[in-house]
């Protein structure tokens, strides 16, 4: 079995939202980074039901974000990464993928 790469809901999200070490934004996403002592990177995704009504769409966005995280995990340091999805998100898959790549590149430059 591999390492569990997701952040447990309550403690990790609260810590990242209240006191992030770094913050990076794009048009549709905001990424909060909080260093951890675990020795590996973890991901958390926050998508508000108020902003995206259908669960199918929320889950599709979560899958895209987590897949993008797994593709870039070797470039990232040991930290908790919380991706907050903004309300004006598009349904275009290519735009989401491109913007996620931009997000990971921005955070790479800050590390």
C-alpha atoms as a PDB file:
ATOM      1  CA  UNK A   1       0.000   0.000   0.000  1.00  0.00           C
ATOM      2  CA  UNK A   2       1.170   3.497  -0.815  1.00  0.00           C
ATOM      3  CA  UNK A   3       1.071   6.644   1.227  1.00  0.00           C
ATOM      4  CA  UNK A   4      -2.332   8.306   1.645  1.00  0.00           C
ATOM      5  CA  UNK A   5      -1.973  11.643  -0.146  1.00  0.00           C
ATOM      6  CA  UNK A   6      -5.234  13.317   0.862  1.00  0.00           C
ATOM      7  CA  UNK A   7      -5.644  15.674   3.805  1.00  0.00           C
ATOM      8  CA  UNK A   8      -8.071  14.539   6.505  1.00  0.00           C
ATOM      9  CA  UNK A   9     -10.930  17.047   6.349  1.00  0.00           C
ATOM     10  CA  UNK A  10     -11.033  18.824   9.677  1.00  0.00           C
ATOM     11  CA  UNK A  11      -7.515  19.405  10.999  1.00  0.00           C
ATOM     12  CA  UNK A  12      -5.600  19.887   7.753  1.00  0.00           C
ATOM     13  CA  UNK A  13      -8.053  22.205   6.070  1.00  0.00           C
ATOM     14  CA  UNK A  14      -8.485  24.404   9.154  1.00  0.00           C
ATOM     15  CA  UNK A  15      -4.734  24.786   9.542  1.00  0.00           C
ATOM     16  CA  UNK A  16      -4.187  25.639   5.870  1.00  0.00           C
ATOM     17  CA  UNK A  17      -7.077  28.123   5.682  1.00  0.00           C
ATOM     18  CA  UNK A  18      -6.274  29.925   8.944  1.00  0.00           C
ATOM     19  CA  UNK A  19      -2.504  30.229   8.581  1.00  0.00           C
ATOM     20  CA  UNK A  20      -1.102  29.334   5.117  1.00  0.00           C
ATOM     21  CA  UNK A  21       2.646  29.604   4.498  1.00  0.00           C
ATOM     22  CA  UNK A  22       2.111  30.564   0.860  1.00  0.00           C
ATOM     23  CA  UNK A  23      -0.856  31.476  -1.325  1.00  0.00           C
ATOM     24  CA  UNK A  24      -1.105  31.382  -5.128  1.00  0.00           C
ATOM     25  CA  UNK A  25      -4.125  32.328  -7.235  1.00  0.00           C
ATOM     26  CA  UNK A  26      -5.298  31.980 -10.798  1.00  0.00           C
ATOM     27  CA  UNK A  27      -8.598  32.983 -12.367  1.00  0.00           C
ATOM     28  CA  UNK A  28     -10.438  29.831 -11.204  1.00  0.00           C
ATOM     29  CA  UNK A  29      -8.298  28.427  -8.364  1.00  0.00           C
ATOM     30  CA  UNK A  30      -6.600  29.508  -5.157  1.00  0.00           C
ATOM     31  CA  UNK A  31      -3.881  27.264  -3.740  1.00  0.00           C
ATOM     32  CA  UNK A  32      -2.901  27.446  -0.087  1.00  0.00           C
ATOM     33  CA  UNK A  33       0.334  25.797   1.026  1.00  0.00           C
ATOM     34  CA  UNK A  34       1.096  24.797   4.610  1.00  0.00           C
ATOM     35  CA  UNK A  35       4.397  23.040   5.360  1.00  0.00           C
ATOM     36  CA  UNK A  36       4.077  19.639   7.089  1.00  0.00           C
ATOM     37  CA  UNK A  37       6.465  17.324   8.947  1.00  0.00           C
ATOM     38  CA  UNK A  38       5.287  14.122   7.262  1.00  0.00           C
ATOM     39  CA  UNK A  39       7.954  14.036   4.562  1.00  0.00           C
ATOM     40  CA  UNK A  40       5.490  13.919   1.658  1.00  0.00           C
ATOM     41  CA  UNK A  41       2.983  16.187  -0.084  1.00  0.00           C
ATOM     42  CA  UNK A  42      -0.759  15.934   0.556  1.00  0.00           C
ATOM     43  CA  UNK A  43      -3.679  17.423  -1.373  1.00  0.00           C
ATOM     44  CA  UNK A  44      -7.038  18.775  -0.297  1.00  0.00           C
ATOM     45  CA  UNK A  45      -9.733  20.149  -2.583  1.00  0.00           C
ATOM     46  CA  UNK A  46     -12.451  22.564  -1.479  1.00  0.00           C
ATOM     47  CA  UNK A  47     -15.407  22.984  -3.832  1.00  0.00           C
ATOM     48  CA  UNK A  48     -18.433  24.768  -2.422  1.00  0.00           C
ATOM     49  CA  UNK A  49     -21.853  23.318  -3.163  1.00  0.00           C
ATOM     50  CA  UNK A  50     -23.165  26.883  -3.264  1.00  0.00           C
ATOM     51  CA  UNK A  51     -20.907  27.681  -6.235  1.00  0.00           C
ATOM     52  CA  UNK A  52     -21.243  24.416  -8.205  1.00  0.00           C
ATOM     53  CA  UNK A  53     -24.653  22.877  -7.720  1.00  0.00           C
ATOM     54  CA  UNK A  54     -24.278  19.468  -9.374  1.00  0.00           C
ATOM     55  CA  UNK A  55     -22.249  16.806  -7.562  1.00  0.00           C
ATOM     56  CA  UNK A  56     -21.160  15.364 -10.910  1.00  0.00           C
ATOM     57  CA  UNK A  57     -19.467  18.638 -11.817  1.00  0.00           C
ATOM     58  CA  UNK A  58     -17.887  19.038  -8.351  1.00  0.00           C
ATOM     59  CA  UNK A  59     -16.477  15.515  -8.490  1.00  0.00           C
ATOM     60  CA  UNK A  60     -15.164  15.996 -12.034  1.00  0.00           C
ATOM     61  CA  UNK A  61     -13.271  19.099 -10.911  1.00  0.00           C
ATOM     62  CA  UNK A  62     -11.901  17.251  -7.845  1.00  0.00           C
ATOM     63  CA  UNK A  63     -10.668  14.394 -10.041  1.00  0.00           C
ATOM     64  CA  UNK A  64      -8.939  16.815 -12.419  1.00  0.00           C
ATOM     65  CA  UNK A  65      -7.213  18.610  -9.540  1.00  0.00           C
ATOM     66  CA  UNK A  66      -6.069  15.382  -7.868  1.00  0.00           C
ATOM     67  CA  UNK A  67      -4.842  13.958 -11.190  1.00  0.00           C
ATOM     68  CA  UNK A  68      -2.888  17.128 -11.869  1.00  0.00           C
ATOM     69  CA  UNK A  69      -1.416  16.930  -8.353  1.00  0.00           C
ATOM     70  CA  UNK A  70      -0.296  13.320  -8.912  1.00  0.00           C
ATOM     71  CA  UNK A  71       1.337  14.310 -12.217  1.00  0.00           C
ATOM     72  CA  UNK A  72       3.349  17.063 -10.498  1.00  0.00           C
ATOM     73  CA  UNK A  73       4.000  15.406  -7.138  1.00  0.00           C
ATOM     74  CA  UNK A  74       7.716  14.808  -7.730  1.00  0.00           C
ATOM     75  CA  UNK A  75       8.296  18.554  -8.163  1.00  0.00           C
ATOM     76  CA  UNK A  76       6.526  19.495  -4.925  1.00  0.00           C
ATOM     77  CA  UNK A  77       7.921  19.718  -1.398  1.00  0.00           C
ATOM     78  CA  UNK A  78       6.514  18.075   1.732  1.00  0.00           C
ATOM     79  CA  UNK A  79       3.509  20.260   2.436  1.00  0.00           C
ATOM     80  CA  UNK A  80      -0.262  20.311   2.557  1.00  0.00           C
ATOM     81  CA  UNK A  81      -1.713  21.795  -0.624  1.00  0.00           C
ATOM     82  CA  UNK A  82      -5.330  22.948  -0.432  1.00  0.00           C
ATOM     83  CA  UNK A  83      -6.907  23.958  -3.742  1.00  0.00           C
ATOM     84  CA  UNK A  84      -9.970  26.165  -3.383  1.00  0.00           C
ATOM     85  CA  UNK A  85     -12.206  26.339  -6.454  1.00  0.00           C
ATOM     86  CA  UNK A  86     -13.589  29.819  -7.119  1.00  0.00           C
ATOM     87  CA  UNK A  87     -17.200  30.375  -8.106  1.00  0.00           C
ATOM     88  CA  UNK A  88     -16.607  31.487 -11.710  1.00  0.00           C
ATOM     89  CA  UNK A  89     -15.105  28.160 -12.863  1.00  0.00           C
ATOM     90  CA  UNK A  90     -15.652  27.052 -16.444  1.00  0.00           C
ATOM     91  CA  UNK A  91     -16.743  23.613 -17.698  1.00  0.00           C
ATOM     92  CA  UNK A  92     -14.034  23.554 -20.388  1.00  0.00           C
ATOM     93  CA  UNK A  93     -11.663  20.707 -19.567  1.00  0.00           C
ATOM     94  CA  UNK A  94      -8.737  22.146 -21.545  1.00  0.00           C
ATOM     95  CA  UNK A  95      -8.946  25.481 -19.715  1.00  0.00           C
ATOM     96  CA  UNK A  96      -9.016  23.755 -16.314  1.00  0.00           C
ATOM     97  CA  UNK A  97      -6.033  21.547 -17.185  1.00  0.00           C
ATOM     98  CA  UNK A  98      -3.995  24.498 -18.472  1.00  0.00           C
ATOM     99  CA  UNK A  99      -4.786  26.603 -15.432  1.00  0.00           C
ATOM    100  CA  UNK A 100      -3.839  23.786 -13.050  1.00  0.00           C
ATOM    101  CA  UNK A 101      -0.472  23.448 -14.805  1.00  0.00           C
ATOM    102  CA  UNK A 102       0.044  27.202 -14.393  1.00  0.00           C
ATOM    103  CA  UNK A 103      -0.862  26.894 -10.712  1.00  0.00           C
ATOM    104  CA  UNK A 104       1.724  24.148 -10.059  1.00  0.00           C
ATOM    105  CA  UNK A 105       4.384  26.104 -11.967  1.00  0.00           C
ATOM    106  CA  UNK A 106       3.710  29.220  -9.890  1.00  0.00           C
ATOM    107  CA  UNK A 107       4.021  27.290  -6.632  1.00  0.00           C
ATOM    108  CA  UNK A 108       7.197  25.593  -7.887  1.00  0.00           C
ATOM    109  CA  UNK A 109       8.829  29.002  -8.375  1.00  0.00           C
ATOM    110  CA  UNK A 110       7.920  30.037  -4.812  1.00  0.00           C
ATOM    111  CA  UNK A 111       9.382  26.922  -3.195  1.00  0.00           C
END
